[in-house]
Each structure stands twice: as C-alpha cells, then as structure tokens.
Amino acid sequence: SNYTRQLQRLGIQDPVLSKESSDVM
C-alpha cells in the first residue's frame, strides 16, 4: 500500500520503474 501510494503520488507506473534507465530513455 505504501509503495502503491508513492507511485500514484508521483504519477509513475510500476512497469516503468522496473526498467533500467537506458531502456526508459
């Protein structure tokens, strides 16, 4: 719940966060 709330507050989706920065770029 804490993790999900932080993602929602920042507007980030979990699948995006799981990727490496180079892949995200």
mmCIF file of all heavy atoms, coordinates in Angstrom:
data_MODEL
# 
_entry.id   MODEL 
# 
loop_
_atom_site.group_PDB 
_atom_site.id 
_atom_site.type_symbol 
_atom_site.label_atom_id 
_atom_site.label_alt_id 
_atom_site.label_comp_id 
_atom_site.label_asym_id 
_atom_site.label_entity_id 
_atom_site.label_seq_id 
_atom_site.pdbx_PDB_ins_code 
_atom_site.Cartn_x 
_atom_site.Cartn_y 
_atom_site.Cartn_z 
_atom_site.occupancy 
_atom_site.B_iso_or_equiv 
_atom_site.pdbx_formal_charge 
_atom_site.auth_seq_id 
_atom_site.auth_comp_id 
_atom_site.auth_asym_id 
_atom_site.auth_atom_id 
_atom_site.pdbx_PDB_model_num 
ATOM 1   N N   . SER A 1 1  ? 0.830  -1.209 0.000   1.00 0.00 ? 1  SER A N   1 
ATOM 2   C CA  . SER A 1 1  ? 0.000  0.000  0.000   1.00 0.00 ? 1  SER A CA  1 
ATOM 3   C C   . SER A 1 1  ? 0.861  1.254  0.000   1.00 0.00 ? 1  SER A C   1 
ATOM 4   O O   . SER A 1 1  ? 0.583  2.213  -0.739  1.00 0.00 ? 1  SER A O   1 
ATOM 5   C CB  . SER A 1 1  ? -0.935 0.004  1.212   1.00 0.00 ? 1  SER A CB  1 
ATOM 6   O OG  . SER A 1 1  ? -1.845 -1.068 1.155   1.00 0.00 ? 1  SER A OG  1 
ATOM 7   N N   . ASN A 1 2  ? 1.913  1.260  0.810   1.00 0.00 ? 2  ASN A N   1 
ATOM 8   C CA  . ASN A 1 2  ? 2.815  2.417  0.854   1.00 0.00 ? 2  ASN A CA  1 
ATOM 9   C C   . ASN A 1 2  ? 3.491  2.634  -0.503  1.00 0.00 ? 2  ASN A C   1 
ATOM 10  O O   . ASN A 1 2  ? 3.590  3.770  -0.993  1.00 0.00 ? 2  ASN A O   1 
ATOM 11  C CB  . ASN A 1 2  ? 3.880  2.215  1.934   1.00 0.00 ? 2  ASN A CB  1 
ATOM 12  C CG  . ASN A 1 2  ? 3.296  2.262  3.339   1.00 0.00 ? 2  ASN A CG  1 
ATOM 13  O OD1 . ASN A 1 2  ? 2.217  2.823  3.552   1.00 0.00 ? 2  ASN A OD1 1 
ATOM 14  N ND2 . ASN A 1 2  ? 4.002  1.671  4.295   1.00 0.00 ? 2  ASN A ND2 1 
ATOM 15  N N   . TYR A 1 3  ? 3.951  1.555  -1.101  1.00 0.00 ? 3  TYR A N   1 
ATOM 16  C CA  . TYR A 1 3  ? 4.619  1.630  -2.405  1.00 0.00 ? 3  TYR A CA  1 
ATOM 17  C C   . TYR A 1 3  ? 3.655  2.137  -3.482  1.00 0.00 ? 3  TYR A C   1 
ATOM 18  O O   . TYR A 1 3  ? 4.007  3.028  -4.281  1.00 0.00 ? 3  TYR A O   1 
ATOM 19  C CB  . TYR A 1 3  ? 5.154  0.249  -2.765  1.00 0.00 ? 3  TYR A CB  1 
ATOM 20  C CG  . TYR A 1 3  ? 5.741  0.140  -4.151  1.00 0.00 ? 3  TYR A CG  1 
ATOM 21  C CD1 . TYR A 1 3  ? 6.966  0.731  -4.462  1.00 0.00 ? 3  TYR A CD1 1 
ATOM 22  C CD2 . TYR A 1 3  ? 5.080  -0.576 -5.145  1.00 0.00 ? 3  TYR A CD2 1 
ATOM 23  C CE1 . TYR A 1 3  ? 7.508  0.615  -5.740  1.00 0.00 ? 3  TYR A CE1 1 
ATOM 24  C CE2 . TYR A 1 3  ? 5.617  -0.694 -6.413  1.00 0.00 ? 3  TYR A CE2 1 
ATOM 25  C CZ  . TYR A 1 3  ? 6.821  -0.096 -6.710  1.00 0.00 ? 3  TYR A CZ  1 
ATOM 26  O OH  . TYR A 1 3  ? 7.362  -0.211 -7.972  1.00 0.00 ? 3  TYR A OH  1 
ATOM 27  N N   . THR A 1 4  ? 2.447  1.594  -3.488  1.00 0.00 ? 4  THR A N   1 
ATOM 28  C CA  . THR A 1 4  ? 1.451  1.980  -4.484  1.00 0.00 ? 4  THR A CA  1 
ATOM 29  C C   . THR A 1 4  ? 1.071  3.447  -4.341  1.00 0.00 ? 4  THR A C   1 
ATOM 30  O O   . THR A 1 4  ? 0.919  4.164  -5.343  1.00 0.00 ? 4  THR A O   1 
ATOM 31  C CB  . THR A 1 4  ? 0.197  1.101  -4.357  1.00 0.00 ? 4  THR A CB  1 
ATOM 32  O OG1 . THR A 1 4  ? 0.555  -0.281 -4.500  1.00 0.00 ? 4  THR A OG1 1 
ATOM 33  C CG2 . THR A 1 4  ? -0.832 1.454  -5.428  1.00 0.00 ? 4  THR A CG2 1 
ATOM 34  N N   . ARG A 1 5  ? 0.919  3.915  -3.107  1.00 0.00 ? 5  ARG A N   1 
ATOM 35  C CA  . ARG A 1 5  ? 0.559  5.316  -2.881  1.00 0.00 ? 5  ARG A CA  1 
ATOM 36  C C   . ARG A 1 5  ? 1.652  6.257  -3.389  1.00 0.00 ? 5  ARG A C   1 
ATOM 37  O O   . ARG A 1 5  ? 1.361  7.314  -3.969  1.00 0.00 ? 5  ARG A O   1 
ATOM 38  C CB  . ARG A 1 5  ? 0.300  5.568  -1.401  1.00 0.00 ? 5  ARG A CB  1 
ATOM 39  C CG  . ARG A 1 5  ? -1.073 5.136  -0.925  1.00 0.00 ? 5  ARG A CG  1 
ATOM 40  C CD  . ARG A 1 5  ? -1.426 5.788  0.403   1.00 0.00 ? 5  ARG A CD  1 
ATOM 41  N NE  . ARG A 1 5  ? -0.462 5.457  1.445   1.00 0.00 ? 5  ARG A NE  1 
ATOM 42  C CZ  . ARG A 1 5  ? -0.573 4.413  2.254   1.00 0.00 ? 5  ARG A CZ  1 
ATOM 43  N NH1 . ARG A 1 5  ? -1.609 3.587  2.120   1.00 0.00 ? 5  ARG A NH1 1 
ATOM 44  N NH2 . ARG A 1 5  ? 0.327  4.180  3.189   1.00 0.00 ? 5  ARG A NH2 1 
ATOM 45  N N   . GLN A 1 6  ? 2.903  5.897  -3.188  1.00 0.00 ? 6  GLN A N   1 
ATOM 46  C CA  . GLN A 1 6  ? 4.001  6.742  -3.663  1.00 0.00 ? 6  GLN A CA  1 
ATOM 47  C C   . GLN A 1 6  ? 4.030  6.803  -5.195  1.00 0.00 ? 6  GLN A C   1 
ATOM 48  O O   . GLN A 1 6  ? 4.268  7.864  -5.773  1.00 0.00 ? 6  GLN A O   1 
ATOM 49  C CB  . GLN A 1 6  ? 5.330  6.212  -3.132  1.00 0.00 ? 6  GLN A CB  1 
ATOM 50  C CG  . GLN A 1 6  ? 5.506  6.387  -1.627  1.00 0.00 ? 6  GLN A CG  1 
ATOM 51  C CD  . GLN A 1 6  ? 6.889  5.955  -1.168  1.00 0.00 ? 6  GLN A CD  1 
ATOM 52  O OE1 . GLN A 1 6  ? 7.892  6.558  -1.538  1.00 0.00 ? 6  GLN A OE1 1 
ATOM 53  N NE2 . GLN A 1 6  ? 6.940  4.891  -0.384  1.00 0.00 ? 6  GLN A NE2 1 
ATOM 54  N N   . LEU A 1 7  ? 3.791  5.664  -5.848  1.00 0.00 ? 7  LEU A N   1 
ATOM 55  C CA  . LEU A 1 7  ? 3.741  5.663  -7.307  1.00 0.00 ? 7  LEU A CA  1 
ATOM 56  C C   . LEU A 1 7  ? 2.615  6.562  -7.811  1.00 0.00 ? 7  LEU A C   1 
ATOM 57  O O   . LEU A 1 7  ? 2.786  7.333  -8.763  1.00 0.00 ? 7  LEU A O   1 
ATOM 58  C CB  . LEU A 1 7  ? 3.543  4.241  -7.836  1.00 0.00 ? 7  LEU A CB  1 
ATOM 59  C CG  . LEU A 1 7  ? 4.697  3.252  -7.677  1.00 0.00 ? 7  LEU A CG  1 
ATOM 60  C CD1 . LEU A 1 7  ? 4.327  1.913  -8.298  1.00 0.00 ? 7  LEU A CD1 1 
ATOM 61  C CD2 . LEU A 1 7  ? 5.974  3.783  -8.309  1.00 0.00 ? 7  LEU A CD2 1 
ATOM 62  N N   . GLN A 1 8  ? 1.443  6.454  -7.180  1.00 0.00 ? 8  GLN A N   1 
ATOM 63  C CA  . GLN A 1 8  ? 0.303  7.276  -7.587  1.00 0.00 ? 8  GLN A CA  1 
ATOM 64  C C   . GLN A 1 8  ? 0.586  8.755  -7.359  1.00 0.00 ? 8  GLN A C   1 
ATOM 65  O O   . GLN A 1 8  ? 0.215  9.595  -8.187  1.00 0.00 ? 8  GLN A O   1 
ATOM 66  C CB  . GLN A 1 8  ? -0.945 6.836  -6.829  1.00 0.00 ? 8  GLN A CB  1 
ATOM 67  C CG  . GLN A 1 8  ? -1.453 5.455  -7.216  1.00 0.00 ? 8  GLN A CG  1 
ATOM 68  C CD  . GLN A 1 8  ? -2.596 4.972  -6.341  1.00 0.00 ? 8  GLN A CD  1 
ATOM 69  O OE1 . GLN A 1 8  ? -2.863 5.527  -5.269  1.00 0.00 ? 8  GLN A OE1 1 
ATOM 70  N NE2 . GLN A 1 8  ? -3.292 3.933  -6.785  1.00 0.00 ? 8  GLN A NE2 1 
ATOM 71  N N   . ARG A 1 9  ? 1.228  9.073  -6.260  1.00 0.00 ? 9  ARG A N   1 
ATOM 72  C CA  . ARG A 1 9  ? 1.528  10.479 -5.952  1.00 0.00 ? 9  ARG A CA  1 
ATOM 73  C C   . ARG A 1 9  ? 2.487  11.072 -6.974  1.00 0.00 ? 9  ARG A C   1 
ATOM 74  O O   . ARG A 1 9  ? 2.366  12.233 -7.360  1.00 0.00 ? 9  ARG A O   1 
ATOM 75  C CB  . ARG A 1 9  ? 2.136  10.574 -4.553  1.00 0.00 ? 9  ARG A CB  1 
ATOM 76  C CG  . ARG A 1 9  ? 2.475  11.987 -4.103  1.00 0.00 ? 9  ARG A CG  1 
ATOM 77  C CD  . ARG A 1 9  ? 2.866  12.019 -2.643  1.00 0.00 ? 9  ARG A CD  1 
ATOM 78  N NE  . ARG A 1 9  ? 3.977  11.116 -2.349  1.00 0.00 ? 9  ARG A NE  1 
ATOM 79  C CZ  . ARG A 1 9  ? 5.252  11.440 -2.510  1.00 0.00 ? 9  ARG A CZ  1 
ATOM 80  N NH1 . ARG A 1 9  ? 5.579  12.646 -2.968  1.00 0.00 ? 9  ARG A NH1 1 
ATOM 81  N NH2 . ARG A 1 9  ? 6.210  10.585 -2.202  1.00 0.00 ? 9  ARG A NH2 1 
ATOM 82  N N   . LEU A 1 10 ? 3.434  10.264 -7.447  1.00 0.00 ? 10 LEU A N   1 
ATOM 83  C CA  . LEU A 1 10 ? 4.422  10.737 -8.412  1.00 0.00 ? 10 LEU A CA  1 
ATOM 84  C C   . LEU A 1 10 ? 3.957  10.573 -9.858  1.00 0.00 ? 10 LEU A C   1 
ATOM 85  O O   . LEU A 1 10 ? 4.602  11.093 -10.770 1.00 0.00 ? 10 LEU A O   1 
ATOM 86  C CB  . LEU A 1 10 ? 5.746  9.982  -8.216  1.00 0.00 ? 10 LEU A CB  1 
ATOM 87  C CG  . LEU A 1 10 ? 6.456  10.229 -6.885  1.00 0.00 ? 10 LEU A CG  1 
ATOM 88  C CD1 . LEU A 1 10 ? 7.617  9.258  -6.715  1.00 0.00 ? 10 LEU A CD1 1 
ATOM 89  C CD2 . LEU A 1 10 ? 6.954  11.673 -6.804  1.00 0.00 ? 10 LEU A CD2 1 
ATOM 90  N N   . GLY A 1 11 ? 2.867  9.840  -10.063 1.00 0.00 ? 11 GLY A N   1 
ATOM 91  C CA  . GLY A 1 11 ? 2.368  9.618  -11.416 1.00 0.00 ? 11 GLY A CA  1 
ATOM 92  C C   . GLY A 1 11 ? 3.193  8.638  -12.215 1.00 0.00 ? 11 GLY A C   1 
ATOM 93  O O   . GLY A 1 11 ? 3.256  8.719  -13.450 1.00 0.00 ? 11 GLY A O   1 
ATOM 94  N N   . ILE A 1 12 ? 3.833  7.689  -11.526 1.00 0.00 ? 12 ILE A N   1 
ATOM 95  C CA  . ILE A 1 12 ? 4.695  6.690  -12.176 1.00 0.00 ? 12 ILE A CA  1 
ATOM 96  C C   . ILE A 1 12 ? 4.022  5.325  -12.131 1.00 0.00 ? 12 ILE A C   1 
ATOM 97  O O   . ILE A 1 12 ? 3.373  4.979  -11.142 1.00 0.00 ? 12 ILE A O   1 
ATOM 98  C CB  . ILE A 1 12 ? 6.075  6.621  -11.476 1.00 0.00 ? 12 ILE A CB  1 
ATOM 99  C CG1 . ILE A 1 12 ? 6.771  7.970  -11.544 1.00 0.00 ? 12 ILE A CG1 1 
ATOM 100 C CG2 . ILE A 1 12 ? 6.959  5.547  -12.105 1.00 0.00 ? 12 ILE A CG2 1 
ATOM 101 C CD1 . ILE A 1 12 ? 8.058  8.018  -10.764 1.00 0.00 ? 12 ILE A CD1 1 
ATOM 102 N N   . GLN A 1 13 ? 4.200  4.543  -13.191 1.00 0.00 ? 13 GLN A N   1 
ATOM 103 C CA  . GLN A 1 13 ? 3.670  3.186  -13.236 1.00 0.00 ? 13 GLN A CA  1 
ATOM 104 C C   . GLN A 1 13 ? 4.760  2.183  -12.871 1.00 0.00 ? 13 GLN A C   1 
ATOM 105 O O   . GLN A 1 13 ? 5.928  2.373  -13.225 1.00 0.00 ? 13 GLN A O   1 
ATOM 106 C CB  . GLN A 1 13 ? 3.115  2.873  -14.632 1.00 0.00 ? 13 GLN A CB  1 
ATOM 107 C CG  . GLN A 1 13 ? 1.974  3.786  -15.054 1.00 0.00 ? 13 GLN A CG  1 
ATOM 108 C CD  . GLN A 1 13 ? 1.545  3.542  -16.484 1.00 0.00 ? 13 GLN A CD  1 
ATOM 109 O OE1 . GLN A 1 13 ? 2.163  2.771  -17.213 1.00 0.00 ? 13 GLN A OE1 1 
ATOM 110 N NE2 . GLN A 1 13 ? 0.489  4.211  -16.896 1.00 0.00 ? 13 GLN A NE2 1 
ATOM 111 N N   . ASP A 1 14 ? 4.376  1.131  -12.186 1.00 0.00 ? 14 ASP A N   1 
ATOM 112 C CA  . ASP A 1 14 ? 5.360  0.137  -11.736 1.00 0.00 ? 14 ASP A CA  1 
ATOM 113 C C   . ASP A 1 14 ? 6.160  -0.479 -12.879 1.00 0.00 ? 14 ASP A C   1 
ATOM 114 O O   . ASP A 1 14 ? 7.377  -0.641 -12.758 1.00 0.00 ? 14 ASP A O   1 
ATOM 115 C CB  . ASP A 1 14 ? 4.663  -0.961 -10.931 1.00 0.00 ? 14 ASP A CB  1 
ATOM 116 C CG  . ASP A 1 14 ? 5.634  -2.053 -10.522 1.00 0.00 ? 14 ASP A CG  1 
ATOM 117 O OD1 . ASP A 1 14 ? 6.421  -1.831 -9.582  1.00 0.00 ? 14 ASP A OD1 1 
ATOM 118 O OD2 . ASP A 1 14 ? 5.621  -3.129 -11.164 1.00 0.00 ? 14 ASP A OD2 1 
ATOM 119 N N   . PRO A 1 15 ? 5.528  -0.858 -14.018 1.00 0.00 ? 15 PRO A N   1 
ATOM 120 C CA  . PRO A 1 15 ? 6.330  -1.443 -15.098 1.00 0.00 ? 15 PRO A CA  1 
ATOM 121 C C   . PRO A 1 15 ? 7.445  -0.524 -15.586 1.00 0.00 ? 15 PRO A C   1 
ATOM 122 O O   . PRO A 1 15 ? 8.497  -0.989 -16.024 1.00 0.00 ? 15 PRO A O   1 
ATOM 123 C CB  . PRO A 1 15 ? 5.294  -1.692 -16.205 1.00 0.00 ? 15 PRO A CB  1 
ATOM 124 C CG  . PRO A 1 15 ? 3.998  -1.838 -15.475 1.00 0.00 ? 15 PRO A CG  1 
ATOM 125 C CD  . PRO A 1 15 ? 4.093  -0.879 -14.333 1.00 0.00 ? 15 PRO A CD  1 
ATOM 126 N N   . VAL A 1 16 ? 7.227  0.793  -15.525 1.00 0.00 ? 16 VAL A N   1 
ATOM 127 C CA  . VAL A 1 16 ? 8.255  1.746  -15.955 1.00 0.00 ? 16 VAL A CA  1 
ATOM 128 C C   . VAL A 1 16 ? 9.408  1.764  -14.954 1.00 0.00 ? 16 VAL A C   1 
ATOM 129 O O   . VAL A 1 16 ? 10.583 1.773  -15.321 1.00 0.00 ? 16 VAL A O   1 
ATOM 130 C CB  . VAL A 1 16 ? 7.646  3.159  -16.102 1.00 0.00 ? 16 VAL A CB  1 
ATOM 131 C CG1 . VAL A 1 16 ? 8.737  4.173  -16.459 1.00 0.00 ? 16 VAL A CG1 1 
ATOM 132 C CG2 . VAL A 1 16 ? 6.568  3.155  -17.171 1.00 0.00 ? 16 VAL A CG2 1 
ATOM 133 N N   . LEU A 1 17 ? 9.059  1.750  -13.667 1.00 0.00 ? 17 LEU A N   1 
ATOM 134 C CA  . LEU A 1 17 ? 10.080 1.810  -12.625 1.00 0.00 ? 17 LEU A CA  1 
ATOM 135 C C   . LEU A 1 17 ? 10.969 0.569  -12.641 1.00 0.00 ? 17 LEU A C   1 
ATOM 136 O O   . LEU A 1 17 ? 12.129 0.615  -12.239 1.00 0.00 ? 17 LEU A O   1 
ATOM 137 C CB  . LEU A 1 17 ? 9.412  1.957  -11.256 1.00 0.00 ? 17 LEU A CB  1 
ATOM 138 C CG  . LEU A 1 17 ? 10.331 2.217  -10.068 1.00 0.00 ? 17 LEU A CG  1 
ATOM 139 C CD1 . LEU A 1 17 ? 11.022 3.568  -10.218 1.00 0.00 ? 17 LEU A CD1 1 
ATOM 140 C CD2 . LEU A 1 17 ? 9.555  2.154  -8.759  1.00 0.00 ? 17 LEU A CD2 1 
ATOM 141 N N   . SER A 1 18 ? 10.441 -0.554 -13.104 1.00 0.00 ? 18 SER A N   1 
ATOM 142 C CA  . SER A 1 18 ? 11.208 -1.805 -13.092 1.00 0.00 ? 18 SER A CA  1 
ATOM 143 C C   . SER A 1 18 ? 12.269 -1.850 -14.182 1.00 0.00 ? 18 SER A C   1 
ATOM 144 O O   . SER A 1 18 ? 13.141 -2.720 -14.176 1.00 0.00 ? 18 SER A O   1 
ATOM 145 C CB  . SER A 1 18 ? 10.259 -2.998 -13.271 1.00 0.00 ? 18 SER A CB  1 
ATOM 146 O OG  . SER A 1 18 ? 9.646  -2.968 -14.552 1.00 0.00 ? 18 SER A OG  1 
ATOM 147 N N   . LYS A 1 19 ? 12.221 -0.901 -15.132 1.00 0.00 ? 19 LYS A N   1 
ATOM 148 C CA  . LYS A 1 19 ? 13.169 -0.920 -16.245 1.00 0.00 ? 19 LYS A CA  1 
ATOM 149 C C   . LYS A 1 19 ? 14.446 -0.157 -15.895 1.00 0.00 ? 19 LYS A C   1 
ATOM 150 O O   . LYS A 1 19 ? 14.442 0.718  -15.042 1.00 0.00 ? 19 LYS A O   1 
ATOM 151 C CB  . LYS A 1 19 ? 12.529 -0.293 -17.491 1.00 0.00 ? 19 LYS A CB  1 
ATOM 152 C CG  . LYS A 1 19 ? 11.298 -1.030 -17.988 1.00 0.00 ? 19 LYS A CG  1 
ATOM 153 C CD  . LYS A 1 19 ? 10.625 -0.267 -19.116 1.00 0.00 ? 19 LYS A CD  1 
ATOM 154 C CE  . LYS A 1 19 ? 9.347  -0.976 -19.567 1.00 0.00 ? 19 LYS A CE  1 
ATOM 155 N NZ  . LYS A 1 19 ? 8.627  -0.204 -20.602 1.00 0.00 ? 19 LYS A NZ  1 
ATOM 156 N N   . GLU A 1 20 ? 15.516 -0.498 -16.607 1.00 0.00 ? 20 GLU A N   1 
ATOM 157 C CA  . GLU A 1 20 ? 16.762 0.233  -16.461 1.00 0.00 ? 20 GLU A CA  1 
ATOM 158 C C   . GLU A 1 20 ? 16.617 1.625  -17.083 1.00 0.00 ? 20 GLU A C   1 
ATOM 159 O O   . GLU A 1 20 ? 15.829 1.814  -18.013 1.00 0.00 ? 20 GLU A O   1 
ATOM 160 C CB  . GLU A 1 20 ? 17.912 -0.521 -17.153 1.00 0.00 ? 20 GLU A CB  1 
ATOM 161 C CG  . GLU A 1 20 ? 18.240 -1.866 -16.524 1.00 0.00 ? 20 GLU A CG  1 
ATOM 162 C CD  . GLU A 1 20 ? 18.790 -1.718 -15.108 1.00 0.00 ? 20 GLU A CD  1 
ATOM 163 O OE1 . GLU A 1 20 ? 19.423 -0.672 -14.822 1.00 0.00 ? 20 GLU A OE1 1 
ATOM 164 O OE2 . GLU A 1 20 ? 18.594 -2.654 -14.305 1.00 0.00 ? 20 GLU A OE2 1 
ATOM 165 N N   . SER A 1 21 ? 17.390 2.554  -16.584 1.00 0.00 ? 21 SER A N   1 
ATOM 166 C CA  . SER A 1 21 ? 17.285 3.941  -17.065 1.00 0.00 ? 21 SER A CA  1 
ATOM 167 C C   . SER A 1 21 ? 17.558 4.034  -18.568 1.00 0.00 ? 21 SER A C   1 
ATOM 168 O O   . SER A 1 21 ? 16.920 4.818  -19.283 1.00 0.00 ? 21 SER A O   1 
ATOM 169 C CB  . SER A 1 21 ? 18.254 4.836  -16.301 1.00 0.00 ? 21 SER A CB  1 
ATOM 170 O OG  . SER A 1 21 ? 17.956 4.833  -14.931 1.00 0.00 ? 21 SER A OG  1 
ATOM 171 N N   . SER A 1 22 ? 18.511 3.233  -19.060 1.00 0.00 ? 22 SER A N   1 
ATOM 172 C CA  . SER A 1 22 ? 18.830 3.262  -20.502 1.00 0.00 ? 22 SER A CA  1 
ATOM 173 C C   . SER A 1 22 ? 17.635 2.787  -21.324 1.00 0.00 ? 22 SER A C   1 
ATOM 174 O O   . SER A 1 22 ? 17.351 3.337  -22.395 1.00 0.00 ? 22 SER A O   1 
ATOM 175 C CB  . SER A 1 22 ? 20.040 2.395  -20.794 1.00 0.00 ? 22 SER A CB  1 
ATOM 176 O OG  . SER A 1 22 ? 19.828 1.048  -20.358 1.00 0.00 ? 22 SER A OG  1 
ATOM 177 N N   . ASP A 1 23 ? 16.923 1.753  -20.827 1.00 0.00 ? 23 ASP A N   1 
ATOM 178 C CA  . ASP A 1 23 ? 15.737 1.263  -21.528 1.00 0.00 ? 23 ASP A CA  1 
ATOM 179 C C   . ASP A 1 23 ? 14.625 2.300  -21.510 1.00 0.00 ? 23 ASP A C   1 
ATOM 180 O O   . ASP A 1 23 ? 13.897 2.480  -22.494 1.00 0.00 ? 23 ASP A O   1 
ATOM 181 C CB  . ASP A 1 23 ? 15.244 -0.038 -20.891 1.00 0.00 ? 23 ASP A CB  1 
ATOM 182 C CG  . ASP A 1 23 ? 16.206 -1.192 -21.101 1.00 0.00 ? 23 ASP A CG  1 
ATOM 183 O OD1 . ASP A 1 23 ? 16.940 -1.156 -22.113 1.00 0.00 ? 23 ASP A OD1 1 
ATOM 184 O OD2 . ASP A 1 23 ? 16.218 -2.118 -20.271 1.00 0.00 ? 23 ASP A OD2 1 
ATOM 185 N N   . VAL A 1 24 ? 14.470 2.972  -20.357 1.00 0.00 ? 24 VAL A N   1 
ATOM 186 C CA  . VAL A 1 24 ? 13.450 4.013  -20.251 1.00 0.00 ? 24 VAL A CA  1 
ATOM 187 C C   . VAL A 1 24 ? 13.749 5.133  -21.239 1.00 0.00 ? 24 VAL A C   1 
ATOM 188 O O   . VAL A 1 24 ? 12.851 5.644  -21.922 1.00 0.00 ? 24 VAL A O   1 
ATOM 189 C CB  . VAL A 1 24 ? 13.373 4.564  -18.814 1.00 0.00 ? 24 VAL A CB  1 
ATOM 190 C CG1 . VAL A 1 24 ? 12.398 5.746  -18.742 1.00 0.00 ? 24 VAL A CG1 1 
ATOM 191 C CG2 . VAL A 1 24 ? 12.931 3.471  -17.857 1.00 0.00 ? 24 VAL A CG2 1 
ATOM 192 N N   . MET A 1 25 ? 15.018 5.532  -21.341 1.00 0.00 ? 25 MET A N   1 
ATOM 193 C CA  . MET A 1 25 ? 15.406 6.581  -22.281 1.00 0.00 ? 25 MET A CA  1 
ATOM 194 C C   . MET A 1 25 ? 15.117 6.162  -23.719 1.00 0.00 ? 25 MET A C   1 
ATOM 195 O O   . MET A 1 25 ? 14.556 6.931  -24.514 1.00 0.00 ? 25 MET A O   1 
ATOM 196 C CB  . MET A 1 25 ? 16.895 6.898  -22.113 1.00 0.00 ? 25 MET A CB  1 
ATOM 197 C CG  . MET A 1 25 ? 17.443 7.885  -23.144 1.00 0.00 ? 25 MET A CG  1 
ATOM 198 S SD  . MET A 1 25 ? 16.692 9.522  -23.026 1.00 0.00 ? 25 MET A SD  1 
ATOM 199 C CE  . MET A 1 25 ? 17.608 10.169 -21.607 1.00 0.00 ? 25 MET A CE  1 
# 
